[in-house]
N, C-alpha and C. Protein backbone atom coordinates (compact mmCIF):
# COMPACT_ATOMS: atom_id res chain seq x y z
N MET A 1 -2.66 8.29 23.61
CA MET A 1 -3.05 6.93 23.32
C MET A 1 -2.85 6.66 21.84
N PRO A 2 -2.22 5.55 21.49
CA PRO A 2 -2.05 5.22 20.06
C PRO A 2 -3.38 4.83 19.43
N GLU A 3 -3.50 5.07 18.14
CA GLU A 3 -4.69 4.65 17.39
C GLU A 3 -4.66 3.15 17.15
N THR A 4 -3.43 2.61 16.96
CA THR A 4 -3.25 1.21 16.59
C THR A 4 -2.09 0.62 17.38
N VAL A 5 -2.23 -0.64 17.75
CA VAL A 5 -1.14 -1.39 18.36
C VAL A 5 -0.88 -2.60 17.47
N ILE A 6 0.39 -2.81 17.13
CA ILE A 6 0.80 -4.00 16.39
C ILE A 6 1.70 -4.81 17.31
N GLU A 7 1.24 -6.00 17.63
CA GLU A 7 1.94 -6.87 18.57
C GLU A 7 2.55 -8.03 17.80
N VAL A 8 3.83 -8.31 18.02
CA VAL A 8 4.49 -9.48 17.44
C VAL A 8 4.60 -10.51 18.56
N VAL A 9 4.03 -11.68 18.33
CA VAL A 9 3.98 -12.72 19.35
C VAL A 9 5.39 -13.21 19.69
N SER A 10 5.64 -13.30 20.97
CA SER A 10 6.90 -13.83 21.47
C SER A 10 6.68 -15.26 21.96
N LYS A 11 7.63 -16.12 21.70
CA LYS A 11 7.54 -17.51 22.15
C LYS A 11 7.35 -17.54 23.67
N GLY A 12 6.37 -18.29 24.10
CA GLY A 12 6.07 -18.40 25.51
C GLY A 12 5.03 -17.39 25.98
N TYR A 13 4.70 -16.40 25.14
CA TYR A 13 3.73 -15.37 25.52
C TYR A 13 2.51 -15.38 24.60
N GLU A 14 2.29 -16.49 23.90
CA GLU A 14 1.19 -16.57 22.94
C GLU A 14 -0.16 -16.27 23.59
N ALA A 15 -0.43 -16.84 24.74
CA ALA A 15 -1.72 -16.62 25.40
C ALA A 15 -1.91 -15.15 25.75
N LYS A 16 -0.88 -14.52 26.29
CA LYS A 16 -0.98 -13.10 26.63
C LYS A 16 -1.22 -12.27 25.37
N ASP A 17 -0.43 -12.53 24.35
CA ASP A 17 -0.51 -11.71 23.14
C ASP A 17 -1.83 -11.88 22.40
N PHE A 18 -2.38 -13.11 22.35
CA PHE A 18 -3.62 -13.35 21.62
C PHE A 18 -4.88 -13.16 22.46
N GLU A 19 -4.83 -13.48 23.74
CA GLU A 19 -6.05 -13.51 24.55
C GLU A 19 -6.21 -12.31 25.48
N ILE A 20 -5.14 -11.84 26.06
CA ILE A 20 -5.24 -10.76 27.05
C ILE A 20 -5.02 -9.40 26.41
N GLY A 21 -3.97 -9.28 25.60
CA GLY A 21 -3.58 -8.00 25.02
C GLY A 21 -4.67 -7.28 24.24
N PRO A 22 -5.31 -7.94 23.26
CA PRO A 22 -6.28 -7.21 22.44
C PRO A 22 -7.42 -6.57 23.24
N SER A 23 -8.02 -7.32 24.16
CA SER A 23 -9.13 -6.74 24.93
C SER A 23 -8.64 -5.61 25.84
N PHE A 24 -7.44 -5.74 26.38
CA PHE A 24 -6.89 -4.66 27.20
C PHE A 24 -6.71 -3.39 26.37
N TYR A 25 -6.07 -3.52 25.20
CA TYR A 25 -5.84 -2.35 24.35
C TYR A 25 -7.16 -1.70 23.93
N LEU A 26 -8.14 -2.50 23.55
CA LEU A 26 -9.43 -1.94 23.17
C LEU A 26 -10.08 -1.21 24.33
N SER A 27 -9.95 -1.75 25.54
CA SER A 27 -10.55 -1.10 26.72
C SER A 27 -9.90 0.24 27.02
N GLN A 28 -8.67 0.45 26.51
CA GLN A 28 -7.96 1.71 26.73
C GLN A 28 -8.19 2.72 25.61
N GLY A 29 -9.00 2.35 24.61
CA GLY A 29 -9.34 3.28 23.55
C GLY A 29 -8.59 3.09 22.24
N VAL A 30 -7.74 2.08 22.17
CA VAL A 30 -7.06 1.77 20.91
C VAL A 30 -8.11 1.27 19.93
N LYS A 31 -8.06 1.74 18.67
CA LYS A 31 -9.09 1.39 17.69
C LYS A 31 -8.80 0.10 16.95
N ASP A 32 -7.53 -0.18 16.67
CA ASP A 32 -7.13 -1.38 15.96
C ASP A 32 -6.01 -2.08 16.71
N VAL A 33 -6.15 -3.39 16.88
CA VAL A 33 -5.09 -4.20 17.47
C VAL A 33 -4.75 -5.29 16.46
N VAL A 34 -3.49 -5.33 16.06
CA VAL A 34 -3.02 -6.34 15.11
C VAL A 34 -2.00 -7.20 15.84
N VAL A 35 -2.24 -8.52 15.83
CA VAL A 35 -1.32 -9.45 16.47
C VAL A 35 -0.78 -10.37 15.38
N PHE A 36 0.55 -10.44 15.28
CA PHE A 36 1.20 -11.25 14.26
C PHE A 36 2.06 -12.32 14.91
N ASP A 37 1.85 -13.57 14.50
CA ASP A 37 2.66 -14.68 14.99
C ASP A 37 3.61 -15.11 13.87
N PRO A 38 4.90 -14.78 13.97
CA PRO A 38 5.83 -15.13 12.91
C PRO A 38 6.05 -16.63 12.76
N ALA A 39 5.74 -17.41 13.78
CA ALA A 39 5.91 -18.86 13.70
C ALA A 39 4.85 -19.52 12.82
N THR A 40 3.64 -18.96 12.83
CA THR A 40 2.53 -19.55 12.06
C THR A 40 2.04 -18.66 10.93
N LEU A 41 2.51 -17.41 10.91
CA LEU A 41 2.09 -16.37 9.95
C LEU A 41 0.64 -15.94 10.16
N LEU A 42 0.06 -16.28 11.30
CA LEU A 42 -1.30 -15.83 11.62
C LEU A 42 -1.30 -14.34 11.90
N VAL A 43 -2.27 -13.64 11.30
CA VAL A 43 -2.49 -12.22 11.56
C VAL A 43 -3.89 -12.09 12.15
N LEU A 44 -3.98 -11.59 13.35
CA LEU A 44 -5.25 -11.37 14.03
C LEU A 44 -5.48 -9.87 14.07
N HIS A 45 -6.62 -9.41 13.53
CA HIS A 45 -6.95 -7.99 13.54
C HIS A 45 -8.22 -7.83 14.37
N VAL A 46 -8.10 -7.09 15.47
CA VAL A 46 -9.20 -6.95 16.43
C VAL A 46 -9.64 -5.50 16.48
N ARG A 47 -10.95 -5.30 16.37
CA ARG A 47 -11.60 -3.99 16.54
C ARG A 47 -12.79 -4.19 17.46
N ARG A 48 -13.37 -3.09 17.89
CA ARG A 48 -14.55 -3.19 18.74
C ARG A 48 -15.67 -3.96 18.05
N ASP A 49 -15.76 -3.85 16.71
CA ASP A 49 -16.86 -4.47 15.99
C ASP A 49 -16.56 -5.86 15.45
N GLY A 50 -15.41 -6.42 15.78
CA GLY A 50 -15.15 -7.78 15.34
C GLY A 50 -13.69 -8.15 15.23
N VAL A 51 -13.48 -9.40 14.84
CA VAL A 51 -12.14 -9.98 14.74
C VAL A 51 -11.98 -10.60 13.36
N THR A 52 -10.82 -10.37 12.76
CA THR A 52 -10.49 -10.99 11.48
C THR A 52 -9.21 -11.79 11.64
N ARG A 53 -9.21 -13.01 11.11
CA ARG A 53 -8.02 -13.85 11.10
C ARG A 53 -7.59 -14.03 9.65
N ALA A 54 -6.29 -13.92 9.40
CA ALA A 54 -5.76 -14.06 8.05
C ALA A 54 -4.35 -14.62 8.14
N VAL A 55 -3.77 -14.89 6.98
CA VAL A 55 -2.39 -15.38 6.90
C VAL A 55 -1.54 -14.30 6.25
N SER A 56 -0.37 -14.06 6.82
CA SER A 56 0.55 -13.05 6.29
C SER A 56 1.11 -13.52 4.95
N PRO A 57 1.33 -12.61 4.02
CA PRO A 57 1.19 -11.15 4.12
C PRO A 57 -0.27 -10.73 3.96
N GLN A 58 -0.64 -9.69 4.70
CA GLN A 58 -2.01 -9.20 4.72
C GLN A 58 -1.99 -7.69 4.79
N LEU A 59 -2.73 -7.03 3.88
CA LEU A 59 -2.89 -5.58 3.92
C LEU A 59 -4.08 -5.27 4.80
N ILE A 60 -3.87 -4.43 5.81
CA ILE A 60 -4.92 -4.11 6.77
C ILE A 60 -5.23 -2.62 6.69
N GLU A 61 -6.51 -2.31 6.49
CA GLU A 61 -6.99 -0.93 6.51
C GLU A 61 -7.36 -0.59 7.95
N LEU A 62 -6.73 0.43 8.49
CA LEU A 62 -6.94 0.82 9.88
C LEU A 62 -7.99 1.91 9.98
N GLU A 63 -8.65 2.00 11.12
CA GLU A 63 -9.69 3.00 11.33
C GLU A 63 -9.18 4.43 11.22
N CYS A 64 -7.90 4.64 11.47
CA CYS A 64 -7.34 5.99 11.41
C CYS A 64 -7.17 6.48 9.98
N GLY A 65 -7.43 5.58 8.99
CA GLY A 65 -7.29 5.95 7.59
C GLY A 65 -5.99 5.47 6.96
N CYS A 66 -5.10 4.92 7.77
CA CYS A 66 -3.83 4.38 7.27
C CYS A 66 -4.01 2.91 6.93
N SER A 67 -3.00 2.35 6.32
CA SER A 67 -3.00 0.90 6.09
C SER A 67 -1.61 0.38 6.45
N CYS A 68 -1.54 -0.91 6.72
CA CYS A 68 -0.25 -1.54 6.99
C CYS A 68 -0.28 -2.95 6.41
N GLU A 69 0.87 -3.42 6.02
CA GLU A 69 0.99 -4.79 5.54
C GLU A 69 1.79 -5.58 6.56
N VAL A 70 1.18 -6.66 7.00
CA VAL A 70 1.79 -7.51 8.01
C VAL A 70 2.04 -8.87 7.39
């Protein structure tokens, strides 16, 4: 199981990527879910303890100890 999933939103799949995907990944044990929409530059970072919304570029500290810039 991956520690982190980074999802890039595809046109026509916005609802799946933003609404269904994060809760599914968390239910499977993924610690961090990052969803990026290149059309709006929205960065959604979802963890078990909360959700953060930001605008790209955004440096994200992951629970595994790594960081990524989206």
